[in-house]
Structures are given as C-alpha cells and as structure tokens.
Amino acid sequence: MLDQRIALDVMGGDLAPDATLAGALALCSQDGPRRMDPRRVLLVGDERVIRARLDALGGASLLGDGGFGIQHASEVVGMSESPATALRAKPDSSISVCVGAVKRQLAGAVVSMGNTGAVVGACTLGLGTLEGVRRPAIAVTLSLTGRPVTLLDMGANAAAKPQDLVQFAEMGAVYARGALGVEAPRVGLLNIGSEPSKGTDLLKEAHQLLAAQAARLNFVGNVEGNDIFHSAADVVVTDGFTGNVVLKLLEGFSGFMLSLLLKELKAHKVEWTQDALGKVRRQIDYAEYGGALLLGVNGIVVKGHGRSDANAVANAVHVAARALDANVNQHIVSGLRAS
C-alpha cells in the first residue's frame, strides 16, 4: 500500500498549513464515493506544527494506526523564493521530502500547493522523466461543458518545440482515456485560426506532425480559444507560455463573472440560494478542479493553486489518487513505445 500513498506537502501554499490539513481531513472524513482511506495520505512538513494544527482542527483521531502518516521536514520553500536557489539551500524542504518519499517508494504521488517552480524543479530533477518523455507538461482538466477537457502544457515549458507538442498530445490523450474515461479523446492544437497555415512556425510544424498521426492520435486540427467552451476537443495542446496565460485568464475571468453575477442578483433583489449557483461554481471555480498534473515525470505529481482552500486541496488529492489508481504513467510509457 505504500506506493499507493500520496505525499501531501502540508507547508506549501498561501493558506498552509491549515487549509492543507483541513482539505485532507475533509477528504478522509466525509461520507460518499470520494472518501479516501486516511492511510493513503502521508502528511509532509514540520511534525510539531502538523500535530498541533490537526489537534486544533479536530483531526487528531486520524493520526496513528489506521490514519495519516507523518514525514518530518524542517524547511519550507516560500512562495516568492527563487526555486533553484531555495531547493539548493533547503534540502530538507517539505517539497523535497515529498519527492524523496516517492523515490524511496514510501508514496506514489506528490501533491503540493507550493511554489510552482520549486515543485516542477524538485519533481523533474528528483524523480526524472518517464522512458521516452522529452519534457514533462502541466495538464489541467476542466469541465466547462459537463465533458472534461484537458489542456496542456499550462506552464512547465515556456519555449517548446514541435515534437514536444506532439508528445504533449500523446500524454494528454492517455490521461483522458485512462483516468477520465474518454473512449477516443479528440486532440486539438490551440491556434489563432482553424486553417493549417495559421499561427507561428512552431504551430505550423506541430500541425504537420500531428496531422501525419491523425488516425492514431484522433487529431481534429487547430482549435481556437473560444472552442474550449464548446467541446471541440477533449485534449487541447499548446506551449507552456500560451497555456499559462490561458489558465490565468480562465481563473481570473471565471471569478470575475461569478462575482458580477452575484452582485447583479443582489442589486435586482433576485431571490436565490447558494445551491442555485452550485453547478455554475463547480464548472468554473479553480477550487473544483483541484490541481494540475505534471505529466511525464516518474511519479504522479499534482500542483495545486497557491491560494487553494480546503476544498481545492481535497480535490487535488483526489486528482492524484485517480491518476495513481489508473496507472497513468504506465500507460504513457506503453503509448510512447508504440508510437
């Protein structure tokens, strides 16, 4: 069972450690199909702080036999620190200890809300990449239309090559099929127009490479930004710079629109309840999709939003468990071997 555990970076994130611990408690205490056995969660961070805050949150009973495990880490990489400098200066940081737990097969996955650069760097360097993987990619799955759409790369590679985009497509399709249950995921290339001749040299060449493997990858051609909202593809591929801009825009705009809607409802004295907007919130709130998978590293890695609350943390851990249980990495290696 050790290699099915999830190493949770308790100290990483703007609202850590309380939001992280509250998320773990919510996931492991709630009833229903998504409830997780607390033995699958390895809490990583300052042990004294973890025990004290768990006690304050009413979760002390979930420690010990049959409950959470704890792995002590004496240091933390701050959200504003230089990732490379901090990782070198703080070998006992909570994110580094999480990576070490996976390397020693004490866990099979890492979940962190901490410094993105530090998480990507520590996991890529510490775990290495899967056989055949050129570069790992950050993948985010949204459910804007009720059907999941996975976008990658969302920030791991600001400067990608055409071959990288093809590999992102392969990894995204494997994840959509294995973990999300999409039988024949449609792959689209994010561009400024649907025509193959549109876009930068990178996108034109990537389109040619993807089109040459259209049957195997179920490539549906270029998709534009607005197509993301209309289920034009199940996997949308782009470079990390563009993907990160898209992700931040989606996060910011969804929050803005939700606030605007609530303001207008109140201004017009429209009677409504929180439940009435629950479905909308679940579709557009970053807390509901939980976190982004770092596909291509030799272990399951989920990076949550730095501002993640308890709900977002619980969802991020659930994403990691789903990918781990679906053997996503094994499927990626098998898929790349066959390509």
Protein backbone atom coordinates (compact mmCIF):
# COMPACT_ATOMS: atom_id res chain seq x y z
CA MET A 1 0.00 0.00 0.00
CA LEU A 2 2.96 2.34 0.49
CA ASP A 3 3.39 3.02 -3.22
CA GLN A 4 -0.30 3.95 -3.40
CA ARG A 5 0.07 6.68 -0.79
CA ILE A 6 0.01 10.38 -1.60
CA ALA A 7 2.72 12.59 -0.09
CA LEU A 8 0.93 15.85 0.72
CA ASP A 9 3.11 18.95 1.12
CA VAL A 10 1.43 20.41 4.19
CA MET A 11 3.62 23.52 4.34
CA GLY A 12 3.37 24.72 0.71
CA GLY A 13 0.81 27.34 -0.32
CA ASP A 14 -0.51 30.71 0.75
CA LEU A 15 -3.01 29.22 3.21
CA ALA A 16 -0.82 26.42 4.56
CA PRO A 17 -0.78 24.55 6.83
CA ASP A 18 -4.40 24.91 7.97
CA ALA A 19 -6.07 24.79 4.53
CA THR A 20 -3.94 21.79 3.53
CA LEU A 21 -4.76 19.85 6.66
CA ALA A 22 -8.44 20.82 6.52
CA GLY A 23 -8.57 19.54 2.94
CA ALA A 24 -7.05 16.21 3.94
CA LEU A 25 -9.50 15.94 6.84
CA ALA A 26 -12.47 16.76 4.61
CA LEU A 27 -11.50 14.13 2.05
CA CYS A 28 -10.82 11.42 4.61
CA SER A 29 -13.71 12.18 6.97
CA GLN A 30 -16.60 12.70 4.57
CA ASP A 31 -19.08 10.04 3.55
CA GLY A 32 -19.69 9.14 -0.06
CA PRO A 33 -17.87 7.62 -3.03
CA ARG A 34 -14.96 10.08 -2.96
CA ARG A 35 -13.97 9.34 0.61
CA MET A 36 -10.30 8.37 0.88
CA ASP A 37 -8.73 6.00 3.39
CA PRO A 38 -6.54 8.26 5.58
CA ARG A 39 -3.79 5.64 5.43
CA ARG A 40 -3.27 6.70 1.80
CA VAL A 41 -2.20 10.20 2.89
CA LEU A 42 1.34 10.94 4.07
CA LEU A 43 1.49 14.41 5.65
CA VAL A 44 4.86 16.03 4.97
CA GLY A 45 6.12 19.03 6.93
CA ASP A 46 7.08 20.19 10.41
CA GLU A 47 5.77 17.35 12.57
CA ARG A 48 5.21 19.54 15.63
CA VAL A 49 3.17 22.02 13.61
CA ILE A 50 1.20 19.26 11.87
CA ARG A 51 0.21 17.59 15.13
CA ALA A 52 -0.72 20.88 16.80
CA ARG A 53 -2.81 22.17 13.89
CA LEU A 54 -4.52 18.82 13.35
CA ASP A 55 -5.50 18.82 17.00
CA ALA A 56 -6.85 22.38 16.68
CA LEU A 57 -8.85 21.34 13.61
CA GLY A 58 -10.34 18.34 15.40
CA GLY A 59 -8.41 15.77 13.41
CA ALA A 60 -6.06 14.25 15.99
CA SER A 61 -8.03 10.99 15.87
CA LEU A 62 -6.92 10.45 12.28
CA LEU A 63 -3.27 10.12 13.29
CA GLY A 64 -1.59 6.85 14.19
CA ASP A 65 -2.61 3.32 13.24
CA GLY A 66 -5.28 3.39 10.58
CA GLY A 67 -4.80 7.10 9.99
CA PHE A 68 -2.46 9.64 8.39
CA GLY A 69 1.26 9.07 8.30
CA ILE A 70 3.66 11.93 9.02
CA GLN A 71 7.08 12.56 7.45
CA HIS A 72 9.01 15.36 9.12
CA ALA A 73 10.51 18.16 7.03
CA SER A 74 12.26 21.01 8.80
CA GLU A 75 12.25 23.58 5.96
CA VAL A 76 9.79 25.27 3.60
CA VAL A 77 10.27 26.87 0.17
CA GLY A 78 8.48 30.21 0.26
CA MET A 79 6.05 31.19 -2.47
CA SER A 80 8.21 34.13 -3.59
CA GLU A 81 11.61 32.44 -3.32
CA SER A 82 13.80 31.63 -6.30
CA PRO A 83 13.08 27.92 -6.91
CA ALA A 84 16.61 26.91 -7.89
CA THR A 85 18.23 28.83 -5.04
CA ALA A 86 15.73 27.61 -2.44
CA LEU A 87 15.97 23.96 -3.46
CA ARG A 88 19.76 24.07 -3.16
CA ALA A 89 19.70 25.92 0.15
CA LYS A 90 16.89 23.89 1.70
CA PRO A 91 17.46 20.17 1.09
CA ASP A 92 15.01 19.30 3.87
CA SER A 93 12.16 21.39 2.45
CA SER A 94 8.70 19.83 2.52
CA ILE A 95 8.56 19.55 -1.28
CA SER A 96 11.99 17.85 -1.43
CA VAL A 97 10.96 15.41 1.31
CA CYS A 98 7.78 14.61 -0.66
CA VAL A 99 9.91 13.79 -3.68
CA GLY A 100 12.20 11.68 -1.51
CA ALA A 101 9.22 9.70 -0.24
CA VAL A 102 8.28 8.77 -3.81
CA LYS A 103 11.89 7.88 -4.67
CA ARG A 104 12.03 5.56 -1.65
CA GLN A 105 8.64 4.07 -2.61
CA LEU A 106 7.02 5.34 0.57
CA ALA A 107 4.47 7.05 -1.67
CA GLY A 108 3.44 7.00 -5.31
CA ALA A 109 2.31 10.59 -5.70
CA VAL A 110 3.15 14.14 -4.63
CA VAL A 111 0.57 16.90 -4.07
CA SER A 112 1.68 20.46 -3.35
CA MET A 113 0.12 23.92 -3.35
CA GLY A 114 3.55 25.49 -3.02
CA ASN A 115 5.97 27.42 -5.21
CA THR A 116 5.30 26.21 -8.79
CA GLY A 117 8.91 26.47 -9.96
CA ALA A 118 10.13 24.58 -6.91
CA VAL A 119 7.54 21.83 -7.34
CA VAL A 120 8.28 21.36 -11.06
CA GLY A 121 12.05 21.56 -10.49
CA ALA A 122 12.17 19.24 -7.48
CA CYS A 123 9.94 16.63 -9.12
CA THR A 124 11.58 16.75 -12.55
CA LEU A 125 15.14 16.60 -11.21
CA GLY A 126 14.39 14.34 -8.25
CA LEU A 127 12.14 11.80 -9.96
CA GLY A 128 13.38 12.05 -13.53
CA THR A 129 11.21 11.67 -16.60
CA LEU A 130 9.43 8.58 -17.84
CA GLU A 131 11.02 6.47 -20.55
CA GLY A 132 10.68 8.27 -23.89
CA VAL A 133 9.49 11.59 -22.44
CA ARG A 134 11.31 14.66 -23.77
CA ARG A 135 9.78 17.18 -21.37
CA PRO A 136 7.08 16.94 -18.71
CA ALA A 137 3.96 19.06 -19.15
CA ILE A 138 1.43 20.58 -16.75
CA ALA A 139 -2.07 19.34 -17.57
CA VAL A 140 -5.27 20.90 -16.24
CA THR A 141 -8.67 19.26 -16.66
CA LEU A 142 -11.77 21.45 -16.68
CA SER A 143 -15.44 20.55 -17.04
CA LEU A 144 -16.79 23.72 -18.60
CA THR A 145 -19.48 21.94 -20.62
CA GLY A 146 -20.02 18.87 -18.47
CA ARG A 147 -17.49 16.96 -20.59
CA PRO A 148 -13.86 17.07 -19.36
CA VAL A 149 -11.30 18.91 -21.45
CA THR A 150 -7.60 18.55 -20.64
CA LEU A 151 -5.29 21.43 -21.54
CA LEU A 152 -1.50 21.13 -21.64
CA ASP A 153 1.12 22.50 -21.30
CA MET A 154 -0.05 25.03 -18.71
CA GLY A 155 3.33 26.38 -17.73
CA ALA A 156 6.17 23.85 -17.47
CA ASN A 157 7.77 24.72 -20.84
CA ALA A 158 7.66 28.34 -21.94
CA ALA A 159 9.66 27.51 -25.08
CA ALA A 160 8.53 24.21 -26.60
CA LYS A 161 9.45 22.53 -29.86
CA PRO A 162 7.03 20.96 -32.37
CA GLN A 163 8.00 17.46 -31.23
CA ASP A 164 7.18 18.44 -27.64
CA LEU A 165 3.65 19.42 -28.63
CA VAL A 166 3.16 16.04 -30.29
CA GLN A 167 4.29 14.31 -27.12
CA PHE A 168 2.02 16.51 -25.00
CA ALA A 169 -0.84 15.35 -27.22
CA GLU A 170 0.10 11.71 -26.65
CA MET A 171 0.34 12.11 -22.87
CA GLY A 172 -2.88 14.11 -22.68
CA ALA A 173 -4.76 11.51 -24.70
CA VAL A 174 -3.50 8.70 -22.46
CA TYR A 175 -4.64 10.60 -19.37
CA ALA A 176 -8.05 11.45 -20.82
CA ARG A 177 -8.62 7.84 -21.81
CA GLY A 178 -7.22 6.12 -18.71
CA ALA A 179 -8.20 8.45 -15.88
CA LEU A 180 -11.19 10.35 -17.26
CA GLY A 181 -12.87 7.57 -19.21
CA VAL A 182 -12.92 9.36 -22.58
CA GLU A 183 -13.04 6.45 -25.01
CA ALA A 184 -11.43 8.12 -28.06
CA PRO A 185 -10.15 11.54 -26.95
CA ARG A 186 -10.09 14.18 -29.69
CA VAL A 187 -6.86 16.16 -29.79
CA GLY A 188 -6.79 19.78 -30.90
CA LEU A 189 -3.92 22.24 -31.34
CA LEU A 190 -4.58 25.69 -29.85
CA ASN A 191 -4.11 28.32 -32.56
CA ILE A 192 -5.45 31.64 -33.85
CA GLY A 193 -7.42 30.01 -36.67
CA SER A 194 -8.63 26.63 -37.85
CA GLU A 195 -6.60 26.61 -41.08
CA PRO A 196 -3.34 24.58 -41.04
CA SER A 197 -1.47 27.61 -42.42
CA LYS A 198 -2.32 29.81 -39.42
CA GLY A 199 -0.06 30.62 -36.50
CA THR A 200 3.64 30.69 -35.73
CA ASP A 201 6.28 28.44 -37.27
CA LEU A 202 6.05 26.30 -34.12
CA LEU A 203 2.32 25.73 -34.61
CA LYS A 204 2.55 25.15 -38.36
CA GLU A 205 5.19 22.46 -37.93
CA ALA A 206 3.38 20.92 -34.96
CA HIS A 207 0.21 20.78 -37.04
CA GLN A 208 2.05 18.90 -39.80
CA LEU A 209 3.45 16.38 -37.31
CA LEU A 210 0.09 15.86 -35.61
CA ALA A 211 -1.76 15.58 -38.93
CA ALA A 212 0.66 12.84 -40.00
CA GLN A 213 -0.53 10.85 -36.98
CA ALA A 214 -4.16 11.95 -37.13
CA ALA A 215 -5.60 8.46 -37.09
CA ARG A 216 -3.56 7.25 -34.11
CA LEU A 217 -3.99 10.45 -32.08
CA ASN A 218 -7.52 11.33 -33.26
CA PHE A 219 -6.22 14.76 -34.21
CA VAL A 220 -9.06 17.13 -35.14
CA GLY A 221 -6.88 20.04 -36.25
CA ASN A 222 -6.49 23.56 -34.92
CA VAL A 223 -8.89 24.86 -32.28
CA GLU A 224 -9.31 28.47 -31.25
CA GLY A 225 -9.63 29.83 -27.72
CA ASN A 226 -13.42 30.03 -27.86
CA ASP A 227 -13.59 26.36 -28.92
CA ILE A 228 -12.51 25.37 -25.42
CA PHE A 229 -16.01 26.30 -24.26
CA HIS A 230 -17.77 24.24 -26.93
CA SER A 231 -16.28 20.73 -26.56
CA ALA A 232 -14.38 20.98 -29.85
CA ALA A 233 -11.67 18.71 -28.43
CA ASP A 234 -11.04 16.58 -25.36
CA VAL A 235 -7.32 17.40 -25.26
CA VAL A 236 -6.04 20.86 -26.21
CA VAL A 237 -2.30 21.20 -26.77
CA THR A 238 -0.18 24.35 -26.59
CA ASP A 239 3.18 25.62 -25.38
CA GLY A 240 3.66 26.45 -21.70
CA PHE A 241 3.76 30.22 -22.15
CA THR A 242 0.45 30.37 -24.01
CA GLY A 243 -1.10 27.73 -21.78
CA ASN A 244 -0.26 29.60 -18.60
CA VAL A 245 -1.78 32.80 -19.98
CA VAL A 246 -4.95 30.87 -20.91
CA LEU A 247 -5.14 29.26 -17.47
CA LYS A 248 -4.72 32.54 -15.56
CA LEU A 249 -7.25 34.22 -17.83
CA LEU A 250 -9.80 31.45 -17.26
CA GLU A 251 -9.26 31.57 -13.50
CA GLY A 252 -9.49 35.34 -13.30
CA PHE A 253 -12.43 35.73 -15.66
CA SER A 254 -14.48 32.96 -14.05
CA GLY A 255 -14.08 34.54 -10.62
CA PHE A 256 -14.91 37.97 -12.02
CA MET A 257 -18.04 36.73 -13.78
CA LEU A 258 -19.27 34.87 -10.72
CA SER A 259 -18.80 37.96 -8.55
CA LEU A 260 -20.53 40.13 -11.16
CA LEU A 261 -23.46 37.73 -11.35
CA LEU A 262 -23.90 37.70 -7.59
CA LYS A 263 -23.69 41.50 -7.47
CA GLU A 264 -26.37 41.88 -10.15
CA LEU A 265 -28.67 39.36 -8.49
CA LYS A 266 -28.39 41.29 -5.25
CA ALA A 267 -28.86 44.67 -6.96
CA HIS A 268 -32.07 43.47 -8.64
CA LYS A 269 -33.28 41.79 -5.44
CA VAL A 270 -33.47 38.41 -7.14
CA GLU A 271 -34.18 35.60 -4.70
CA TRP A 272 -31.53 32.90 -4.93
CA THR A 273 -29.69 30.36 -2.79
CA GLN A 274 -26.12 29.12 -2.76
CA ASP A 275 -27.38 25.78 -4.11
CA ALA A 276 -28.83 27.52 -7.16
CA LEU A 277 -25.35 28.56 -8.29
CA GLY A 278 -23.63 25.38 -7.13
CA LYS A 279 -23.43 23.82 -10.58
CA VAL A 280 -22.02 27.00 -12.12
CA ARG A 281 -19.42 27.30 -9.38
CA ARG A 282 -18.37 23.67 -9.80
CA GLN A 283 -17.79 24.22 -13.51
CA ILE A 284 -15.75 27.43 -13.33
CA ASP A 285 -14.12 27.60 -9.90
CA TYR A 286 -10.44 26.57 -9.81
CA ALA A 287 -11.06 25.05 -6.38
CA GLU A 288 -13.28 22.45 -8.01
CA TYR A 289 -10.70 21.11 -10.47
CA GLY A 290 -8.22 20.96 -7.62
CA GLY A 291 -4.88 20.88 -9.33
CA ALA A 292 -2.75 20.32 -12.38
CA LEU A 293 -0.95 17.08 -13.19
CA LEU A 294 2.74 17.22 -14.11
CA LEU A 295 2.60 14.53 -16.78
CA GLY A 296 5.81 12.81 -17.85
CA VAL A 297 7.71 12.56 -14.57
CA ASN A 298 8.45 9.22 -12.92
CA GLY A 299 5.72 9.52 -10.33
CA ILE A 300 2.32 11.17 -10.07
CA VAL A 301 2.63 14.89 -9.30
CA VAL A 302 -0.26 17.31 -8.76
CA LYS A 303 0.37 21.04 -8.37
CA GLY A 304 -2.49 22.91 -6.73
CA HIS A 305 -3.18 26.63 -6.85
CA GLY A 306 -1.18 28.64 -4.32
CA ARG A 307 -4.40 30.11 -2.91
CA SER A 308 -6.07 26.71 -2.56
CA ASP A 309 -8.63 26.41 0.22
CA ALA A 310 -9.60 23.14 1.91
CA ASN A 311 -11.97 22.19 -0.91
CA ALA A 312 -9.29 22.73 -3.55
CA VAL A 313 -6.77 20.70 -1.54
CA ALA A 314 -9.24 17.82 -1.19
CA ASN A 315 -9.88 17.88 -4.94
CA ALA A 316 -6.14 17.98 -5.71
CA VAL A 317 -5.51 14.89 -3.60
CA HIS A 318 -8.44 13.20 -5.35
CA VAL A 319 -6.89 14.02 -8.77
CA ALA A 320 -3.62 12.41 -7.65
CA ALA A 321 -5.39 9.29 -6.39
CA ARG A 322 -7.36 8.94 -9.62
CA ALA A 323 -4.21 9.19 -11.75
CA LEU A 324 -2.36 6.77 -9.48
CA ASP A 325 -5.16 4.23 -9.50
CA ALA A 326 -5.49 4.47 -13.29
CA ASN A 327 -1.77 3.64 -13.76
CA VAL A 328 -1.45 6.72 -15.97
CA ASN A 329 2.35 6.64 -16.09
CA GLN A 330 2.49 3.02 -17.19
CA HIS A 331 0.03 3.82 -19.96
CA ILE A 332 2.10 6.83 -21.07
CA VAL A 333 5.25 4.70 -21.36
CA SER A 334 3.37 1.99 -23.27
CA GLY A 335 1.83 4.58 -25.58
CA LEU A 336 5.14 6.24 -26.35
CA ARG A 337 6.78 2.89 -27.07
CA ALA A 338 4.06 2.13 -29.59
CA SER A 339 4.32 5.50 -31.35
